[in-house]
N, C-alpha and C. Protein backbone atom coordinates (compact mmCIF):
# COMPACT_ATOMS: atom_id res chain seq x y z
N UNK A 1 -12.37 -10.02 -16.49
CA UNK A 1 -11.04 -8.71 -16.23
C UNK A 1 -10.30 -8.73 -14.83
N UNK A 2 -9.12 -9.10 -14.96
CA UNK A 2 -8.57 -9.08 -13.42
C UNK A 2 -7.69 -7.71 -13.72
N UNK A 3 -7.19 -7.66 -12.49
CA UNK A 3 -6.44 -6.54 -11.51
C UNK A 3 -4.73 -6.13 -12.36
N UNK A 4 -4.38 -7.41 -13.53
CA UNK A 4 -3.28 -6.80 -14.08
C UNK A 4 -3.75 -6.38 -15.26
N UNK A 5 -5.13 -5.65 -15.30
CA UNK A 5 -5.77 -4.61 -16.75
C UNK A 5 -5.38 -3.65 -15.91
N UNK A 6 -4.77 -3.33 -14.99
CA UNK A 6 -5.05 -1.92 -14.61
C UNK A 6 -3.61 -1.71 -14.22
N UNK A 7 -3.30 0.26 -14.64
CA UNK A 7 -1.77 0.55 -14.31
C UNK A 7 -1.62 0.81 -13.19
N UNK A 8 -0.22 0.32 -12.60
CA UNK A 8 0.26 0.58 -11.40
C UNK A 8 1.15 1.45 -11.25
N UNK A 9 0.99 2.73 -10.37
CA UNK A 9 2.17 3.68 -10.54
C UNK A 9 2.30 3.90 -8.92
N UNK A 10 3.59 4.46 -8.63
CA UNK A 10 3.89 5.68 -7.28
C UNK A 10 3.29 6.84 -7.37
N UNK A 11 2.04 7.26 -6.84
CA UNK A 11 2.18 8.66 -6.65
C UNK A 11 2.72 9.48 -5.42
N UNK A 12 3.19 9.00 -4.74
CA UNK A 12 4.29 9.69 -4.16
C UNK A 12 4.91 8.96 -2.81
N UNK A 13 6.33 9.03 -2.46
CA UNK A 13 6.68 8.04 -1.96
C UNK A 13 7.89 8.98 -0.56
N UNK A 14 7.69 8.55 0.48
CA UNK A 14 8.75 9.15 1.09
C UNK A 14 9.10 8.44 2.26
N UNK A 15 10.60 7.72 2.20
CA UNK A 15 10.73 6.44 3.13
C UNK A 15 12.19 6.87 4.64
N UNK A 16 11.32 7.10 5.33
CA UNK A 16 12.48 7.13 6.64
C UNK A 16 13.47 5.55 6.90
N UNK A 17 14.25 5.46 6.28
CA UNK A 17 14.77 4.13 6.43
C UNK A 17 15.30 3.82 7.82
N UNK A 18 15.38 4.34 8.92
CA UNK A 18 15.32 4.13 10.31
C UNK A 18 14.00 3.64 10.77
N UNK A 19 13.04 4.05 10.38
CA UNK A 19 11.74 4.00 11.14
C UNK A 19 10.88 2.84 9.84
N UNK A 20 11.53 2.39 8.80
CA UNK A 20 10.83 1.33 8.10
C UNK A 20 11.27 0.03 8.69
N UNK A 21 12.41 -0.05 9.32
CA UNK A 21 13.09 -1.33 9.92
C UNK A 21 12.44 -1.75 10.89
N UNK A 22 11.59 -2.57 11.56
CA UNK A 22 10.99 -3.05 12.40
C UNK A 22 12.03 -4.39 13.00
N UNK A 23 12.46 -4.39 14.26
CA UNK A 23 13.09 -5.70 14.83
C UNK A 23 12.39 -6.45 15.36
N UNK A 24 11.15 -6.45 15.81
CA UNK A 24 10.88 -7.34 16.57
C UNK A 24 9.24 -7.19 16.51
N UNK A 25 8.20 -7.99 16.70
CA UNK A 25 6.64 -7.99 16.79
C UNK A 25 6.21 -7.23 17.69
N UNK A 26 6.92 -6.41 18.28
CA UNK A 26 6.36 -5.43 19.60
C UNK A 26 6.39 -4.13 18.64
N UNK A 27 7.20 -3.79 17.79
CA UNK A 27 7.04 -2.31 16.79
C UNK A 27 5.86 -2.41 16.10
N UNK A 28 5.32 -1.36 16.08
CA UNK A 28 4.26 -1.33 15.36
C UNK A 28 4.57 -0.33 13.68
N UNK A 29 4.44 -0.85 12.61
CA UNK A 29 4.66 0.05 11.39
C UNK A 29 4.70 1.22 11.19
N UNK A 30 5.47 1.97 10.73
CA UNK A 30 5.17 3.50 10.68
C UNK A 30 5.10 4.09 9.32
N UNK A 31 5.45 3.40 8.06
CA UNK A 31 4.80 3.54 7.40
C UNK A 31 3.61 3.17 6.85
N UNK A 32 2.45 3.94 6.41
CA UNK A 32 1.25 3.91 6.03
C UNK A 32 1.48 4.26 4.45
N UNK A 33 0.66 3.85 3.45
CA UNK A 33 0.47 3.29 2.53
C UNK A 33 -1.51 3.69 2.03
N UNK A 34 -1.72 4.14 1.13
CA UNK A 34 -2.86 4.62 0.56
C UNK A 34 -3.02 4.47 -1.35
N UNK A 35 -4.16 3.82 -1.42
CA UNK A 35 -4.38 4.07 -2.98
C UNK A 35 -5.29 4.55 -3.29
N UNK A 36 -5.40 5.24 -4.18
CA UNK A 36 -6.10 5.73 -5.31
C UNK A 36 -6.54 6.06 -6.62
N UNK A 37 -7.84 5.88 -7.14
CA UNK A 37 -7.93 5.75 -8.57
C UNK A 37 -7.65 7.16 -9.19
N UNK A 38 -7.03 7.06 -10.14
CA UNK A 38 -6.56 8.31 -10.69
C UNK A 38 -6.59 8.18 -12.24
N UNK A 39 -7.45 7.30 -12.94
CA UNK A 39 -8.20 7.17 -13.92
C UNK A 39 -8.42 6.55 -14.00
N UNK A 40 -9.53 6.01 -15.32
CA UNK A 40 -10.23 5.00 -15.74
C UNK A 40 -9.81 3.11 -14.94
N UNK A 41 -8.55 3.42 -15.61
CA UNK A 41 -7.50 2.14 -15.31
C UNK A 41 -6.57 2.25 -14.75
N UNK A 42 -5.82 3.42 -13.71
CA UNK A 42 -4.86 3.80 -13.13
C UNK A 42 -5.03 3.84 -11.62
N UNK A 43 -4.23 3.23 -11.04
CA UNK A 43 -4.39 3.34 -9.61
C UNK A 43 -2.71 3.88 -9.06
N UNK A 44 -2.90 4.85 -7.97
CA UNK A 44 -1.63 5.23 -7.82
C UNK A 44 -1.41 4.74 -6.15
N UNK A 45 -0.52 4.51 -5.86
CA UNK A 45 0.20 4.39 -4.15
C UNK A 45 0.75 5.57 -3.62
N UNK A 46 0.33 5.66 -2.81
CA UNK A 46 1.33 6.76 -2.25
C UNK A 46 1.58 6.70 -0.22
N UNK A 47 2.65 6.66 -0.44
CA UNK A 47 3.39 6.32 1.44
C UNK A 47 4.15 6.78 2.00
N UNK A 48 4.36 7.16 3.04
CA UNK A 48 5.10 7.95 4.02
C UNK A 48 4.59 7.58 5.40
N UNK A 49 5.56 8.17 6.28
CA UNK A 49 5.31 7.56 8.20
C UNK A 49 4.29 8.25 7.91
N UNK A 50 3.49 7.82 8.85
CA UNK A 50 1.85 8.57 9.25
C UNK A 50 1.00 8.03 10.07
N UNK A 51 0.61 8.70 11.19
CA UNK A 51 0.06 8.11 12.10
C UNK A 51 -1.18 7.13 11.82
N UNK A 52 -1.64 7.82 10.53
CA UNK A 52 -2.85 7.13 9.87
C UNK A 52 -3.36 7.17 8.67
N UNK A 53 -4.24 6.55 7.77
CA UNK A 53 -4.03 6.40 6.86
C UNK A 53 -4.80 7.72 5.97
N UNK A 54 -5.65 8.33 6.76
CA UNK A 54 -6.01 9.57 6.72
C UNK A 54 -4.87 10.97 6.45
N UNK A 55 -3.72 10.35 7.31
CA UNK A 55 -2.83 11.41 7.18
C UNK A 55 -1.79 11.55 5.64
N UNK A 56 -1.74 9.86 5.40
CA UNK A 56 -0.78 10.11 4.32
C UNK A 56 -2.02 11.22 3.36
N UNK A 57 -3.12 11.08 2.93
CA UNK A 57 -3.71 11.73 2.00
C UNK A 57 -3.37 12.99 2.10
N UNK A 58 -3.43 13.40 3.38
CA UNK A 58 -3.72 14.90 3.72
C UNK A 58 -2.31 15.12 3.28
N UNK A 59 -0.71 14.06 3.68
CA UNK A 59 0.40 14.64 3.33
C UNK A 59 0.17 15.07 2.19
N UNK A 60 0.07 14.09 1.27
CA UNK A 60 -0.17 14.79 -0.23
C UNK A 60 -0.89 15.77 -1.01
N UNK A 61 -1.80 16.28 -0.23
CA UNK A 61 -2.82 17.48 -0.18
C UNK A 61 -4.06 16.63 -1.00
N UNK A 62 -4.36 15.49 -0.72
CA UNK A 62 -5.15 14.88 -1.54
C UNK A 62 -6.92 14.41 -0.52
N UNK A 63 -8.03 14.46 -1.06
CA UNK A 63 -8.92 14.49 -0.73
C UNK A 63 -8.73 13.20 0.30
N UNK A 64 -9.46 13.10 2.18
CA UNK A 64 -9.29 12.31 2.67
C UNK A 64 -10.03 11.55 3.10
N UNK A 65 -11.46 12.10 2.27
CA UNK A 65 -12.69 11.66 2.95
C UNK A 65 -13.04 10.40 2.42
N UNK A 66 -13.44 9.80 3.48
CA UNK A 66 -13.44 8.10 3.28
C UNK A 66 -15.00 7.50 2.46
N UNK A 67 -15.69 8.37 2.69
CA UNK A 67 -16.54 8.46 0.95
C UNK A 67 -16.42 8.80 -0.28
N UNK A 68 -14.90 8.98 -0.49
CA UNK A 68 -14.46 9.34 -1.95
C UNK A 68 -14.16 8.26 -2.53
N UNK A 69 -15.12 7.79 -3.58
CA UNK A 69 -14.68 6.77 -4.15
C UNK A 69 -13.33 6.09 -5.11
N UNK A 70 -12.95 7.36 -4.98
CA UNK A 70 -11.28 7.38 -5.64
C UNK A 70 -10.27 6.75 -4.23
N UNK A 71 -10.72 6.99 -3.55
CA UNK A 71 -9.94 6.09 -2.29
C UNK A 71 -10.01 4.91 -1.90
N UNK A 72 -9.46 4.04 -2.29
CA UNK A 72 -9.48 2.49 -2.80
C UNK A 72 -8.77 1.72 -2.13
N UNK A 73 -8.53 1.97 -0.91
CA UNK A 73 -7.23 0.93 0.07
C UNK A 73 -6.43 1.80 1.16
N UNK A 74 -5.52 0.87 1.82
CA UNK A 74 -4.54 1.19 2.39
C UNK A 74 -4.13 -0.06 2.98
N UNK A 75 -3.02 0.43 4.02
CA UNK A 75 -2.31 -0.97 4.89
C UNK A 75 -1.11 -0.19 5.14
N UNK A 76 0.21 -1.23 5.41
CA UNK A 76 1.59 -0.85 5.96
C UNK A 76 2.38 -1.60 4.77
N UNK A 77 3.71 -0.77 5.17
CA UNK A 77 5.00 -1.72 4.80
C UNK A 77 5.92 -1.28 5.99
N UNK A 78 6.46 -2.18 5.42
CA UNK A 78 7.60 -2.47 6.53
C UNK A 78 9.07 -3.04 5.91
N UNK A 79 10.31 -3.56 6.85
CA UNK A 79 11.54 -4.12 6.61
C UNK A 79 11.95 -4.73 7.86
N UNK A 80 12.00 -6.05 7.66
CA UNK A 80 12.24 -6.91 8.91
C UNK A 80 13.26 -7.77 8.24
N UNK A 81 14.50 -8.02 9.16
CA UNK A 81 15.42 -8.43 8.23
C UNK A 81 15.72 -7.23 7.40
N UNK A 82 15.67 -8.68 6.18
CA UNK A 82 15.93 -7.89 4.78
C UNK A 82 14.74 -8.15 3.72
N UNK A 83 13.51 -8.28 4.27
CA UNK A 83 12.71 -8.81 3.94
C UNK A 83 11.31 -7.63 3.85
N UNK A 84 11.03 -7.04 2.83
CA UNK A 84 10.00 -5.80 2.42
C UNK A 84 9.11 -6.57 2.58
N UNK A 85 7.56 -6.07 3.42
CA UNK A 85 6.80 -6.88 3.59
C UNK A 85 5.56 -5.83 3.55
N UNK A 86 4.55 -5.94 2.67
CA UNK A 86 3.19 -5.22 2.39
C UNK A 86 2.18 -5.91 3.13
N UNK A 87 1.39 -5.25 3.87
CA UNK A 87 0.36 -6.05 5.04
C UNK A 87 -0.78 -4.77 4.82
N UNK A 88 -1.63 -5.44 5.75
CA UNK A 88 -3.00 -5.06 6.28
C UNK A 88 -3.90 -4.18 5.22
N UNK A 89 -4.74 -3.61 6.28
CA UNK A 89 -5.53 -2.68 5.70
C UNK A 89 -6.35 -1.32 6.14
N UNK A 90 -7.32 -0.66 6.06
CA UNK A 90 -7.44 0.42 6.51
C UNK A 90 -8.75 0.52 6.95
N UNK A 91 -8.84 1.27 8.32
CA UNK A 91 -10.32 1.19 8.72
C UNK A 91 -11.35 2.32 8.12
N UNK A 92 -10.69 3.10 7.47
CA UNK A 92 -11.39 3.67 6.62
C UNK A 92 -11.73 3.85 5.42
N UNK A 93 -10.40 3.12 4.58
CA UNK A 93 -10.79 2.68 3.16
C UNK A 93 -10.47 1.31 2.80
N UNK A 94 -10.73 0.60 3.97
CA UNK A 94 -10.40 -0.93 3.83
C UNK A 94 -9.29 -1.65 2.82
N UNK A 95 -8.96 -2.73 2.39
CA UNK A 95 -7.63 -3.01 1.82
C UNK A 95 -7.80 -3.02 0.19
N UNK A 96 -6.48 -3.47 -0.21
CA UNK A 96 -6.44 -3.25 -1.67
C UNK A 96 -6.49 -4.99 -1.84
N UNK A 97 -6.45 -5.56 -3.19
CA UNK A 97 -6.24 -7.30 -3.65
C UNK A 97 -4.90 -7.56 -2.99
N UNK A 98 -4.79 -8.68 -3.25
CA UNK A 98 -3.73 -9.49 -2.97
C UNK A 98 -2.93 -9.06 -4.21
N UNK A 99 -3.29 -9.17 -5.23
CA UNK A 99 -2.90 -9.03 -6.75
C UNK A 99 -2.51 -7.92 -7.03
N UNK A 100 -2.98 -6.70 -6.60
CA UNK A 100 -2.50 -5.19 -6.28
C UNK A 100 -1.33 -5.03 -5.79
N UNK A 101 -1.54 -5.43 -4.51
CA UNK A 101 -0.38 -5.31 -3.23
C UNK A 101 0.78 -6.08 -4.02
N UNK A 102 0.91 -7.27 -4.83
CA UNK A 102 1.94 -7.52 -5.41
C UNK A 102 2.79 -6.67 -6.51
N UNK A 103 1.69 -6.00 -7.64
CA UNK A 103 2.05 -5.20 -8.58
C UNK A 103 2.82 -3.91 -7.97
N UNK A 104 2.18 -3.55 -6.55
CA UNK A 104 2.44 -2.27 -6.20
C UNK A 104 4.19 -3.09 -5.33
N UNK A 105 4.49 -3.93 -4.77
CA UNK A 105 4.91 -4.34 -3.65
C UNK A 105 6.47 -4.27 -4.63
N UNK A 106 6.32 -4.84 -6.29
CA UNK A 106 7.04 -5.03 -7.26
C UNK A 106 7.87 -3.72 -7.72
N UNK A 107 6.93 -2.25 -8.04
CA UNK A 107 7.19 -1.30 -7.65
C UNK A 107 8.08 -0.65 -7.09
N UNK A 108 7.62 -0.66 -5.48
CA UNK A 108 8.08 -0.22 -4.18
C UNK A 108 9.55 -1.18 -4.41
N UNK A 109 10.06 -2.24 -4.75
CA UNK A 109 11.27 -2.87 -4.32
C UNK A 109 12.36 -1.81 -5.16
N UNK A 110 11.94 -1.61 -6.38
CA UNK A 110 12.53 -0.30 -7.52
C UNK A 110 12.83 0.95 -6.76
N UNK A 111 12.26 1.15 -6.21
CA UNK A 111 12.14 2.53 -5.23
C UNK A 111 13.03 2.63 -3.98
N UNK A 112 13.02 1.29 -3.54
CA UNK A 112 13.60 1.53 -2.28
C UNK A 112 15.15 1.65 -2.05
N UNK A 113 15.94 1.27 -3.07
CA UNK A 113 17.18 1.98 -3.44
C UNK A 113 17.77 3.48 -3.05
N UNK A 114 16.89 4.00 -3.72
CA UNK A 114 16.71 4.95 -4.35
C UNK A 114 16.39 6.24 -2.46
N UNK A 115 15.80 5.04 -1.52
CA UNK A 115 15.67 5.59 -0.08
C UNK A 115 16.78 5.10 0.68
N UNK A 116 17.89 4.32 0.40
CA UNK A 116 18.98 3.99 0.92
C UNK A 116 18.51 2.80 1.47
N UNK A 117 17.74 1.83 0.90
CA UNK A 117 17.05 0.30 2.03
C UNK A 117 17.13 -0.48 0.54
N UNK A 118 18.03 -1.61 1.09
CA UNK A 118 17.76 -2.60 0.36
C UNK A 118 16.85 -3.86 1.17
N UNK A 119 16.27 -4.32 -0.07
CA UNK A 119 15.63 -5.68 0.44
C UNK A 119 16.34 -6.60 -0.76
N UNK A 120 16.43 -7.78 -0.14
CA UNK A 120 16.68 -9.40 -0.45
C UNK A 120 15.93 -9.82 -0.71
N UNK A 121 14.60 -9.83 -0.34
CA UNK A 121 13.39 -11.14 -0.41
C UNK A 121 11.97 -9.59 0.06
N UNK A 122 10.98 -10.02 -0.55
CA UNK A 122 9.68 -9.34 -0.30
C UNK A 122 8.54 -10.13 0.36
N UNK A 123 7.79 -10.21 1.01
CA UNK A 123 6.22 -10.98 0.86
C UNK A 123 5.20 -9.74 1.14
N UNK A 124 4.13 -10.45 0.37
CA UNK A 124 3.08 -9.86 0.28
C UNK A 124 1.75 -10.65 0.69
N UNK A 125 0.98 -10.08 1.82
CA UNK A 125 -0.57 -10.45 2.18
C UNK A 125 -1.76 -9.91 1.93
N UNK A 126 -2.47 -10.39 1.25
CA UNK A 126 -3.45 -9.92 0.84
C UNK A 126 -4.32 -9.78 2.38
N UNK A 127 -5.34 -8.42 2.09
CA UNK A 127 -6.26 -7.85 3.01
C UNK A 127 -7.18 -8.68 3.61
N UNK A 128 -7.78 -8.60 4.63
CA UNK A 128 -9.06 -9.69 5.18
C UNK A 128 -10.20 -9.16 4.01
N UNK A 129 -10.16 -8.15 4.12
CA UNK A 129 -11.09 -7.01 3.69
C UNK A 129 -10.93 -5.97 2.83
N UNK A 130 -11.02 -6.11 1.70
CA UNK A 130 -10.71 -5.19 0.38
C UNK A 130 -11.97 -4.25 -0.01
N UNK A 131 -11.68 -3.09 -0.21
CA UNK A 131 -12.57 -1.85 -0.99
C UNK A 131 -13.38 -2.46 -2.19
N UNK A 132 -14.71 -2.13 -2.05
CA UNK A 132 -15.39 -2.73 -3.12
C UNK A 132 -14.75 -2.65 -4.83
N UNK A 133 -14.15 -1.96 -4.74
CA UNK A 133 -13.40 -1.37 -6.33
C UNK A 133 -12.55 -2.29 -6.61
N UNK A 134 -11.80 -2.99 -5.72
CA UNK A 134 -11.26 -4.44 -6.44
C UNK A 134 -12.44 -5.38 -7.07
N UNK A 135 -13.35 -5.77 -6.84
CA UNK A 135 -14.40 -6.52 -6.82
C UNK A 135 -14.61 -6.54 -8.35
N UNK A 136 -14.65 -5.50 -9.16
CA UNK A 136 -14.72 -5.21 -10.42
C UNK A 136 -13.21 -5.59 -11.43
N UNK A 137 -12.25 -5.94 -10.83
CA UNK A 137 -11.80 -6.79 -11.34
C UNK A 137 -10.80 -7.89 -10.78
N UNK A 138 -12.16 -8.48 -10.33
CA UNK A 138 -12.06 -9.81 -9.91
C UNK A 138 -10.89 -10.32 -8.87
N UNK A 139 -10.74 -9.70 -8.30
CA UNK A 139 -9.87 -9.35 -7.20
C UNK A 139 -10.34 -10.36 -5.56
N UNK A 140 -9.58 -10.96 -5.24
CA UNK A 140 -9.91 -11.51 -3.92
C UNK A 140 -9.28 -10.77 -2.80
N UNK A 141 -9.72 -11.21 -1.30
CA UNK A 141 -8.97 -11.23 -0.07
C UNK A 141 -8.48 -12.35 0.12
N UNK A 142 -7.76 -12.13 1.31
CA UNK A 142 -6.50 -13.17 1.85
C UNK A 142 -7.78 -14.28 1.81
N UNK A 143 -8.54 -14.33 2.42
CA UNK A 143 -9.28 -15.09 3.07
C UNK A 143 -10.24 -16.05 1.89
N UNK A 144 -10.26 -15.87 0.58
CA UNK A 144 -10.64 -16.59 -0.56
C UNK A 144 -9.61 -17.01 -1.37
């Protein structure tokens, strides 16, 4: 069973176009995302400008407890030049699989114009440490 057997959706998304764009490697990404299991085979991404991943869950009124098994990963996204990039993981929730990041990236690319952002390219990096949830779907980390 692969991660393609999951249904991916955007649960909540707020983008600040000025803060999404990173012009050099010294800037830290301000847009964090978290992923939550919302049904037996449904996973949803929530993203916004936040100081950390717990703050994203709290922003959307969701339980941010790191022991809540519905909280299944996190990372960040940014724009560099005209490239949309998804990367990273969360110290509290670990990361999502690369295949899940690709699926969410495609959904986000369709959402960006609604927030006055246009990407002509996109890149997805897998997390080094992925949340155990993803192993049920034969998902791999970036190092595998």
